[in-house]
Amino acid sequence: MSFVVIGADWCHGCKAVRKKLTSVNMDYDYVQIPPGKQGWDFVEKVTGRRAVPAVLYKFKDLKEFYSSIEGLGLPERELTEDEIDDIDD
């Protein structure tokens, strides 16, 4: 598993995320957004938001994603009706 960080060199949050990933020896790819509207349009297209940093995980397939989530040992819970409605929108 590795990460993709989408950001800008002027963004302090982007720098902080990259420093943290580097300090714990996590592999990541850095995608610098183009300046101006083109950059924000790109971020929104990829993430659905106009905000950086955007940190994404790279998995080979959905099975690897589920395996990594299950490996965290977090308890599952039932979703509320509001959560289900938000997901279905």
PDB file of N, CA and C in Angstrom:
ATOM      1  N   MET A   1       0.846  -1.168   0.000  1.00  0.00           N
ATOM      2  CA  MET A   1       0.000   0.000   0.000  1.00  0.00           C
ATOM      3  C   MET A   1       0.892   1.233   0.000  1.00  0.00           C
ATOM      4  N   SER A   2       0.499   2.204  -0.776  1.00  0.00           N
ATOM      5  CA  SER A   2       1.191   3.482  -0.724  1.00  0.00           C
ATOM      6  C   SER A   2       0.169   4.602  -0.863  1.00  0.00           C
ATOM      7  N   PHE A   3       0.616   5.790  -0.681  1.00  0.00           N
ATOM      8  CA  PHE A   3      -0.261   6.948  -0.670  1.00  0.00           C
ATOM      9  C   PHE A   3       0.008   7.847  -1.862  1.00  0.00           C
ATOM     10  N   VAL A   4      -1.003   8.621  -2.224  1.00  0.00           N
ATOM     11  CA  VAL A   4      -0.860   9.698  -3.189  1.00  0.00           C
ATOM     12  C   VAL A   4      -1.260  10.968  -2.457  1.00  0.00           C
ATOM     13  N   VAL A   5      -0.374  11.954  -2.468  1.00  0.00           N
ATOM     14  CA  VAL A   5      -0.667  13.249  -1.864  1.00  0.00           C
ATOM     15  C   VAL A   5      -0.853  14.236  -3.010  1.00  0.00           C
ATOM     16  N   ILE A   6      -2.036  14.816  -3.087  1.00  0.00           N
ATOM     17  CA  ILE A   6      -2.308  15.856  -4.074  1.00  0.00           C
ATOM     18  C   ILE A   6      -2.225  17.175  -3.335  1.00  0.00           C
ATOM     19  N   GLY A   7      -1.362  18.069  -3.814  1.00  0.00           N
ATOM     20  CA  GLY A   7      -1.180  19.321  -3.099  1.00  0.00           C
ATOM     21  C   GLY A   7      -0.459  20.368  -3.907  1.00  0.00           C
ATOM     22  N   ALA A   8      -0.047  21.395  -3.191  1.00  0.00           N
ATOM     23  CA  ALA A   8       0.671  22.519  -3.787  1.00  0.00           C
ATOM     24  C   ALA A   8       1.868  22.844  -2.900  1.00  0.00           C
ATOM     25  N   ASP A   9       2.931  23.291  -3.526  1.00  0.00           N
ATOM     26  CA  ASP A   9       4.151  23.588  -2.778  1.00  0.00           C
ATOM     27  C   ASP A   9       3.976  24.725  -1.772  1.00  0.00           C
ATOM     28  N   TRP A  10       3.013  25.622  -2.005  1.00  0.00           N
ATOM     29  CA  TRP A  10       2.781  26.744  -1.098  1.00  0.00           C
ATOM     30  C   TRP A  10       1.911  26.354   0.103  1.00  0.00           C
ATOM     31  N   CYS A  11       1.344  25.151   0.091  1.00  0.00           N
ATOM     32  CA  CYS A  11       0.383  24.718   1.115  1.00  0.00           C
ATOM     33  C   CYS A  11       1.110  24.128   2.325  1.00  0.00           C
ATOM     34  N   HIS A  12       0.939  24.762   3.486  1.00  0.00           N
ATOM     35  CA  HIS A  12       1.594  24.288   4.708  1.00  0.00           C
ATOM     36  C   HIS A  12       1.078  22.913   5.129  1.00  0.00           C
ATOM     37  N   GLY A  13      -0.223  22.656   4.959  1.00  0.00           N
ATOM     38  CA  GLY A  13      -0.778  21.351   5.295  1.00  0.00           C
ATOM     39  C   GLY A  13      -0.205  20.247   4.424  1.00  0.00           C
ATOM     40  N   CYS A  14       0.003  20.566   3.142  1.00  0.00           N
ATOM     41  CA  CYS A  14       0.591  19.596   2.210  1.00  0.00           C
ATOM     42  C   CYS A  14       2.011  19.250   2.635  1.00  0.00           C
ATOM     43  N   LYS A  15       2.760  20.278   3.022  1.00  0.00           N
ATOM     44  CA  LYS A  15       4.133  20.053   3.480  1.00  0.00           C
ATOM     45  C   LYS A  15       4.151  19.198   4.743  1.00  0.00           C
ATOM     46  N   ALA A  16       3.219  19.465   5.656  1.00  0.00           N
ATOM     47  CA  ALA A  16       3.164  18.718   6.913  1.00  0.00           C
ATOM     48  C   ALA A  16       2.858  17.240   6.660  1.00  0.00           C
ATOM     49  N   VAL A  17       1.914  16.964   5.762  1.00  0.00           N
ATOM     50  CA  VAL A  17       1.571  15.577   5.441  1.00  0.00           C
ATOM     51  C   VAL A  17       2.768  14.866   4.822  1.00  0.00           C
ATOM     52  N   ARG A  18       3.438  15.526   3.888  1.00  0.00           N
ATOM     53  CA  ARG A  18       4.594  14.917   3.231  1.00  0.00           C
ATOM     54  C   ARG A  18       5.728  14.665   4.229  1.00  0.00           C
ATOM     55  N   LYS A  19       5.954  15.604   5.137  1.00  0.00           N
ATOM     56  CA  LYS A  19       6.988  15.411   6.158  1.00  0.00           C
ATOM     57  C   LYS A  19       6.653  14.228   7.056  1.00  0.00           C
ATOM     58  N   LYS A  20       5.381  14.117   7.445  1.00  0.00           N
ATOM     59  CA  LYS A  20       4.972  13.020   8.328  1.00  0.00           C
ATOM     60  C   LYS A  20       5.142  11.677   7.630  1.00  0.00           C
ATOM     61  N   LEU A  21       4.674  11.563   6.391  1.00  0.00           N
ATOM     62  CA  LEU A  21       4.818  10.300   5.664  1.00  0.00           C
ATOM     63  C   LEU A  21       6.285   9.937   5.477  1.00  0.00           C
ATOM     64  N   THR A  22       7.110  10.930   5.181  1.00  0.00           N
ATOM     65  CA  THR A  22       8.538  10.683   5.013  1.00  0.00           C
ATOM     66  C   THR A  22       9.172  10.246   6.324  1.00  0.00           C
ATOM     67  N   SER A  23       8.778  10.883   7.427  1.00  0.00           N
ATOM     68  CA  SER A  23       9.387  10.578   8.724  1.00  0.00           C
ATOM     69  C   SER A  23       9.082   9.169   9.210  1.00  0.00           C
ATOM     70  N   VAL A  24       7.957   8.595   8.746  1.00  0.00           N
ATOM     71  CA  VAL A  24       7.617   7.224   9.148  1.00  0.00           C
ATOM     72  C   VAL A  24       7.895   6.226   8.018  1.00  0.00           C
ATOM     73  N   ASN A  25       8.697   6.671   7.035  1.00  0.00           N
ATOM     74  CA  ASN A  25       9.126   5.815   5.928  1.00  0.00           C
ATOM     75  C   ASN A  25       7.975   5.217   5.123  1.00  0.00           C
ATOM     76  N   MET A  26       6.908   5.995   4.931  1.00  0.00           N
ATOM     77  CA  MET A  26       5.783   5.548   4.113  1.00  0.00           C
ATOM     78  C   MET A  26       6.010   5.998   2.678  1.00  0.00           C
ATOM     79  N   ASP A  27       5.807   5.081   1.745  1.00  0.00           N
ATOM     80  CA  ASP A  27       5.918   5.430   0.332  1.00  0.00           C
ATOM     81  C   ASP A  27       4.731   6.302  -0.067  1.00  0.00           C
ATOM     82  N   TYR A  28       4.998   7.314  -0.872  1.00  0.00           N
ATOM     83  CA  TYR A  28       3.913   8.127  -1.407  1.00  0.00           C
ATOM     84  C   TYR A  28       4.365   8.779  -2.701  1.00  0.00           C
ATOM     85  N   ASP A  29       3.378   9.087  -3.522  1.00  0.00           N
ATOM     86  CA  ASP A  29       3.603   9.862  -4.735  1.00  0.00           C
ATOM     87  C   ASP A  29       3.016  11.240  -4.495  1.00  0.00           C
ATOM     88  N   TYR A  30       3.696  12.254  -4.954  1.00  0.00           N
ATOM     89  CA  TYR A  30       3.229  13.628  -4.790  1.00  0.00           C
ATOM     90  C   TYR A  30       2.778  14.157  -6.139  1.00  0.00           C
ATOM     91  N   VAL A  31       1.548  14.626  -6.193  1.00  0.00           N
ATOM     92  CA  VAL A  31       0.993  15.223  -7.401  1.00  0.00           C
ATOM     93  C   VAL A  31       0.769  16.700  -7.111  1.00  0.00           C
ATOM     94  N   GLN A  32       1.563  17.529  -7.751  1.00  0.00           N
ATOM     95  CA  GLN A  32       1.432  18.975  -7.559  1.00  0.00           C
ATOM     96  C   GLN A  32       0.356  19.492  -8.511  1.00  0.00           C
ATOM     97  N   ILE A  33      -0.625  20.203  -7.950  1.00  0.00           N
ATOM     98  CA  ILE A  33      -1.696  20.718  -8.797  1.00  0.00           C
ATOM     99  C   ILE A  33      -1.190  21.895  -9.626  1.00  0.00           C
ATOM    100  N   PRO A  34      -1.739  22.058 -10.825  1.00  0.00           N
ATOM    101  CA  PRO A  34      -1.378  23.228 -11.625  1.00  0.00           C
ATOM    102  C   PRO A  34      -1.912  24.495 -10.960  1.00  0.00           C
ATOM    103  N   PRO A  35      -1.313  25.644 -11.236  1.00  0.00           N
ATOM    104  CA  PRO A  35      -1.786  26.880 -10.620  1.00  0.00           C
ATOM    105  C   PRO A  35      -3.171  27.294 -11.135  1.00  0.00           C
ATOM    106  N   GLY A  36      -3.887  28.020 -10.286  1.00  0.00           N
ATOM    107  CA  GLY A  36      -5.152  28.622 -10.687  1.00  0.00           C
ATOM    108  C   GLY A  36      -6.318  27.666 -10.794  1.00  0.00           C
ATOM    109  N   LYS A  37      -7.288  28.079 -11.590  1.00  0.00           N
ATOM    110  CA  LYS A  37      -8.543  27.339 -11.749  1.00  0.00           C
ATOM    111  C   LYS A  37      -8.314  25.908 -12.221  1.00  0.00           C
ATOM    112  N   GLN A  38      -7.352  25.716 -13.102  1.00  0.00           N
ATOM    113  CA  GLN A  38      -7.070  24.378 -13.624  1.00  0.00           C
ATOM    114  C   GLN A  38      -6.714  23.416 -12.482  1.00  0.00           C
ATOM    115  N   GLY A  39      -5.925  23.894 -11.524  1.00  0.00           N
ATOM    116  CA  GLY A  39      -5.547  23.060 -10.390  1.00  0.00           C
ATOM    117  C   GLY A  39      -6.722  22.710  -9.509  1.00  0.00           C
ATOM    118  N   TRP A  40      -7.544  23.714  -9.196  1.00  0.00           N
ATOM    119  CA  TRP A  40      -8.699  23.465  -8.334  1.00  0.00           C
ATOM    120  C   TRP A  40      -9.716  22.571  -9.034  1.00  0.00           C
ATOM    121  N   ASP A  41      -9.875  22.736 -10.337  1.00  0.00           N
ATOM    122  CA  ASP A  41     -10.774  21.851 -11.087  1.00  0.00           C
ATOM    123  C   ASP A  41     -10.278  20.408 -11.030  1.00  0.00           C
ATOM    124  N   PHE A  42      -8.963  20.224 -11.132  1.00  0.00           N
ATOM    125  CA  PHE A  42      -8.374  18.887 -11.055  1.00  0.00           C
ATOM    126  C   PHE A  42      -8.653  18.255  -9.692  1.00  0.00           C
ATOM    127  N   VAL A  43      -8.394  19.001  -8.621  1.00  0.00           N
ATOM    128  CA  VAL A  43      -8.619  18.478  -7.266  1.00  0.00           C
ATOM    129  C   VAL A  43     -10.081  18.100  -7.083  1.00  0.00           C
ATOM    130  N   GLU A  44     -10.969  18.962  -7.537  1.00  0.00           N
ATOM    131  CA  GLU A  44     -12.398  18.684  -7.386  1.00  0.00           C
ATOM    132  C   GLU A  44     -12.815  17.448  -8.186  1.00  0.00           C
ATOM    133  N   LYS A  45     -12.262  17.284  -9.371  1.00  0.00           N
ATOM    134  CA  LYS A  45     -12.590  16.119 -10.193  1.00  0.00           C
ATOM    135  C   LYS A  45     -12.139  14.826  -9.512  1.00  0.00           C
ATOM    136  N   VAL A  46     -10.963  14.847  -8.897  1.00  0.00           N
ATOM    137  CA  VAL A  46     -10.414  13.640  -8.271  1.00  0.00           C
ATOM    138  C   VAL A  46     -11.054  13.354  -6.918  1.00  0.00           C
ATOM    139  N   THR A  47     -11.296  14.412  -6.123  1.00  0.00           N
ATOM    140  CA  THR A  47     -11.726  14.195  -4.742  1.00  0.00           C
ATOM    141  C   THR A  47     -13.162  14.625  -4.437  1.00  0.00           C
ATOM    142  N   GLY A  48     -13.753  15.433  -5.315  1.00  0.00           N
ATOM    143  CA  GLY A  48     -15.087  15.952  -5.030  1.00  0.00           C
ATOM    144  C   GLY A  48     -15.056  17.211  -4.186  1.00  0.00           C
ATOM    145  N   ARG A  49     -13.866  17.696  -3.849  1.00  0.00           N
ATOM    146  CA  ARG A  49     -13.701  18.901  -3.023  1.00  0.00           C
ATOM    147  C   ARG A  49     -12.636  19.796  -3.635  1.00  0.00           C
ATOM    148  N   ARG A  50     -12.678  21.052  -3.256  1.00  0.00           N
ATOM    149  CA  ARG A  50     -11.668  21.998  -3.713  1.00  0.00           C
ATOM    150  C   ARG A  50     -10.767  22.333  -2.528  1.00  0.00           C
ATOM    151  N   ALA A  51     -10.033  21.329  -2.064  1.00  0.00           N
ATOM    152  CA  ALA A  51      -9.179  21.511  -0.892  1.00  0.00           C
ATOM    153  C   ALA A  51      -7.944  20.628  -1.007  1.00  0.00           C
ATOM    154  N   VAL A  52      -6.829  21.141  -0.542  1.00  0.00           N
ATOM    155  CA  VAL A  52      -5.596  20.368  -0.444  1.00  0.00           C
ATOM    156  C   VAL A  52      -5.076  20.517   0.974  1.00  0.00           C
ATOM    157  N   PRO A  53      -4.359  19.564   1.489  1.00  0.00           N
ATOM    158  CA  PRO A  53      -3.921  18.353   0.821  1.00  0.00           C
ATOM    159  C   PRO A  53      -5.044  17.331   0.698  1.00  0.00           C
ATOM    160  N   ALA A  54      -4.967  16.537  -0.352  1.00  0.00           N
ATOM    161  CA  ALA A  54      -5.835  15.386  -0.508  1.00  0.00           C
ATOM    162  C   ALA A  54      -4.908  14.173  -0.437  1.00  0.00           C
ATOM    163  N   VAL A  55      -5.190  13.285   0.476  1.00  0.00           N
ATOM    164  CA  VAL A  55      -4.354  12.098   0.658  1.00  0.00           C
ATOM    165  C   VAL A  55      -5.181  10.885   0.255  1.00  0.00           C
ATOM    166  N   LEU A  56      -4.686  10.153  -0.732  1.00  0.00           N
ATOM    167  CA  LEU A  56      -5.386   8.985  -1.250  1.00  0.00           C
ATOM    168  C   LEU A  56      -4.518   7.750  -1.047  1.00  0.00           C
ATOM    169  N   TYR A  57      -5.175   6.605  -0.910  1.00  0.00           N
ATOM    170  CA  TYR A  57      -4.472   5.335  -0.816  1.00  0.00           C
ATOM    171  C   TYR A  57      -4.470   4.677  -2.187  1.00  0.00           C
ATOM    172  N   LYS A  58      -3.406   3.970  -2.484  1.00  0.00           N
ATOM    173  CA  LYS A  58      -3.358   3.194  -3.724  1.00  0.00           C
ATOM    174  C   LYS A  58      -3.411   1.709  -3.364  1.00  0.00           C
ATOM    175  N   PHE A  59      -4.423   1.039  -3.840  1.00  0.00           N
ATOM    176  CA  PHE A  59      -4.553  -0.399  -3.648  1.00  0.00           C
ATOM    177  C   PHE A  59      -4.627  -1.063  -5.011  1.00  0.00           C
ATOM    178  N   LYS A  60      -4.151  -2.286  -5.090  1.00  0.00           N
ATOM    179  CA  LYS A  60      -4.211  -3.021  -6.362  1.00  0.00           C
ATOM    180  C   LYS A  60      -5.655  -3.285  -6.760  1.00  0.00           C
ATOM    181  N   ASP A  61      -6.496  -3.603  -5.773  1.00  0.00           N
ATOM    182  CA  ASP A  61      -7.889  -3.893  -6.077  1.00  0.00           C
ATOM    183  C   ASP A  61      -8.725  -3.722  -4.810  1.00  0.00           C
ATOM    184  N   LEU A  62     -10.027  -3.895  -4.958  1.00  0.00           N
ATOM    185  CA  LEU A  62     -10.939  -3.725  -3.830  1.00  0.00           C
ATOM    186  C   LEU A  62     -10.681  -4.741  -2.728  1.00  0.00           C
ATOM    187  N   LYS A  63     -10.264  -5.940  -3.105  1.00  0.00           N
ATOM    188  CA  LYS A  63      -9.957  -6.979  -2.111  1.00  0.00           C
ATOM    189  C   LYS A  63      -8.821  -6.516  -1.193  1.00  0.00           C
ATOM    190  N   GLU A  64      -7.785  -5.897  -1.766  1.00  0.00           N
ATOM    191  CA  GLU A  64      -6.673  -5.388  -0.959  1.00  0.00           C
ATOM    192  C   GLU A  64      -7.149  -4.276  -0.023  1.00  0.00           C
ATOM    193  N   PHE A  65      -8.062  -3.435  -0.511  1.00  0.00           N
ATOM    194  CA  PHE A  65      -8.618  -2.368   0.320  1.00  0.00           C
ATOM    195  C   PHE A  65      -9.346  -2.962   1.526  1.00  0.00           C
ATOM    196  N   TYR A  66     -10.253  -3.905   1.276  1.00  0.00           N
ATOM    197  CA  TYR A  66     -11.002  -4.513   2.379  1.00  0.00           C
ATOM    198  C   TYR A  66     -10.078  -5.233   3.351  1.00  0.00           C
ATOM    199  N   SER A  67      -9.091  -5.903   2.835  1.00  0.00           N
ATOM    200  CA  SER A  67      -8.144  -6.613   3.683  1.00  0.00           C
ATOM    201  C   SER A  67      -7.405  -5.649   4.605  1.00  0.00           C
ATOM    202  N   SER A  68      -6.997  -4.508   4.068  1.00  0.00           N
ATOM    203  CA  SER A  68      -6.268  -3.546   4.895  1.00  0.00           C
ATOM    204  C   SER A  68      -7.177  -2.941   5.964  1.00  0.00           C
ATOM    205  N   ILE A  69      -8.440  -2.710   5.627  1.00  0.00           N
ATOM    206  CA  ILE A  69      -9.392  -2.169   6.605  1.00  0.00           C
ATOM    207  C   ILE A  69      -9.643  -3.204   7.698  1.00  0.00           C
ATOM    208  N   GLU A  70      -9.872  -4.435   7.312  1.00  0.00           N
ATOM    209  CA  GLU A  70     -10.117  -5.496   8.293  1.00  0.00           C
ATOM    210  C   GLU A  70      -8.899  -5.704   9.193  1.00  0.00           C
ATOM    211  N   GLY A  71      -7.704  -5.485   8.652  1.00  0.00           N
ATOM    212  CA  GLY A  71      -6.471  -5.647   9.416  1.00  0.00           C
ATOM    213  C   GLY A  71      -6.315  -4.640  10.539  1.00  0.00           C
ATOM    214  N   LEU A  72      -7.106  -3.568  10.505  1.00  0.00           N
ATOM    215  CA  LEU A  72      -7.035  -2.566  11.569  1.00  0.00           C
ATOM    216  C   LEU A  72      -7.705  -3.043  12.846  1.00  0.00           C
ATOM    217  N   GLY A  73      -8.575  -4.049  12.736  1.00  0.00           N
ATOM    218  CA  GLY A  73      -9.244  -4.598  13.906  1.00  0.00           C
ATOM    219  C   GLY A  73     -10.309  -3.695  14.500  1.00  0.00           C
ATOM    220  N   LEU A  74     -10.867  -2.817  13.693  1.00  0.00           N
ATOM    221  CA  LEU A  74     -11.905  -1.910  14.180  1.00  0.00           C
ATOM    222  C   LEU A  74     -13.249  -2.621  14.230  1.00  0.00           C
ATOM    223  N   PRO A  75     -14.041  -2.379  15.275  1.00  0.00           N
ATOM    224  CA  PRO A  75     -15.345  -3.039  15.350  1.00  0.00           C
ATOM    225  C   PRO A  75     -16.305  -2.444  14.314  1.00  0.00           C
ATOM    226  N   GLU A  76     -17.102  -3.311  13.696  1.00  0.00           N
ATOM    227  CA  GLU A  76     -18.106  -2.826  12.757  1.00  0.00           C
ATOM    228  C   GLU A  76     -19.336  -2.409  13.522  1.00  0.00           C
ATOM    229  N   ARG A  77     -20.099  -1.500  12.920  1.00  0.00           N
ATOM    230  CA  ARG A  77     -21.355  -1.079  13.525  1.00  0.00           C
ATOM    231  C   ARG A  77     -22.379  -0.892  12.424  1.00  0.00           C
ATOM    232  N   GLU A  78     -23.622  -0.897  12.807  1.00  0.00           N
ATOM    233  CA  GLU A  78     -24.693  -0.655  11.852  1.00  0.00           C
ATOM    234  C   GLU A  78     -24.702   0.826  11.482  1.00  0.00           C
ATOM    235  N   LEU A  79     -24.944   1.113  10.214  1.00  0.00           N
ATOM    236  CA  LEU A  79     -25.054   2.497   9.776  1.00  0.00           C
ATOM    237  C   LEU A  79     -26.412   3.054  10.174  1.00  0.00           C
ATOM    238  N   THR A  80     -26.436   4.339  10.498  1.00  0.00           N
ATOM    239  CA  THR A  80     -27.710   4.993  10.786  1.00  0.00           C
ATOM    240  C   THR A  80     -28.441   5.248   9.474  1.00  0.00           C
ATOM    241  N   GLU A  81     -29.728   5.536   9.554  1.00  0.00           N
ATOM    242  CA  GLU A  81     -30.495   5.831   8.339  1.00  0.00           C
ATOM    243  C   GLU A  81     -29.946   7.081   7.652  1.00  0.00           C
ATOM    244  N   ASP A  82     -29.523   8.076   8.435  1.00  0.00           N
ATOM    245  CA  ASP A  82     -28.957   9.295   7.857  1.00  0.00           C
ATOM    246  C   ASP A  82     -27.659   8.994   7.101  1.00  0.00           C
ATOM    247  N   GLU A  83     -26.809   8.122   7.658  1.00  0.00           N
ATOM    248  CA  GLU A  83     -25.569   7.747   6.987  1.00  0.00           C
ATOM    249  C   GLU A  83     -25.843   7.016   5.674  1.00  0.00           C
ATOM    250  N   ILE A  84     -26.810   6.118   5.708  1.00  0.00           N
ATOM    251  CA  ILE A  84     -27.174   5.380   4.494  1.00  0.00           C
ATOM    252  C   ILE A  84     -27.700   6.358   3.445  1.00  0.00           C
ATOM    253  N   ASP A  85     -28.538   7.306   3.866  1.00  0.00           N
ATOM    254  CA  ASP A  85     -29.081   8.304   2.926  1.00  0.00           C
ATOM    255  C   ASP A  85     -27.951   9.138   2.319  1.00  0.00           C
ATOM    256  N   ASP A  86     -26.958   9.542   3.137  1.00  0.00           N
ATOM    257  CA  ASP A  86     -25.823  10.331   2.635  1.00  0.00           C
ATOM    258  C   ASP A  86     -25.037   9.548   1.591  1.00  0.00           C
ATOM    259  N   ILE A  87     -24.847   8.260   1.827  1.00  0.00           N
ATOM    260  CA  ILE A  87     -24.084   7.433   0.903  1.00  0.00           C
ATOM    261  C   ILE A  87     -24.858   7.239  -0.400  1.00  0.00           C
ATOM    262  N   ASP A  88     -26.165   7.069  -0.302  1.00  0.00           N
ATOM    263  CA  ASP A  88     -26.991   6.824  -1.483  1.00  0.00           C
ATOM    264  C   ASP A  88     -27.206   8.065  -2.341  1.00  0.00           C
ATOM    265  N   ASP A  89     -26.958   9.246  -1.788  1.00  0.00           N
ATOM    266  CA  ASP A  89     -27.173  10.486  -2.570  1.00  0.00           C
ATOM    267  C   ASP A  89     -26.220  10.619  -3.718  1.00  0.00           C
TER     268      ASP A  89
END
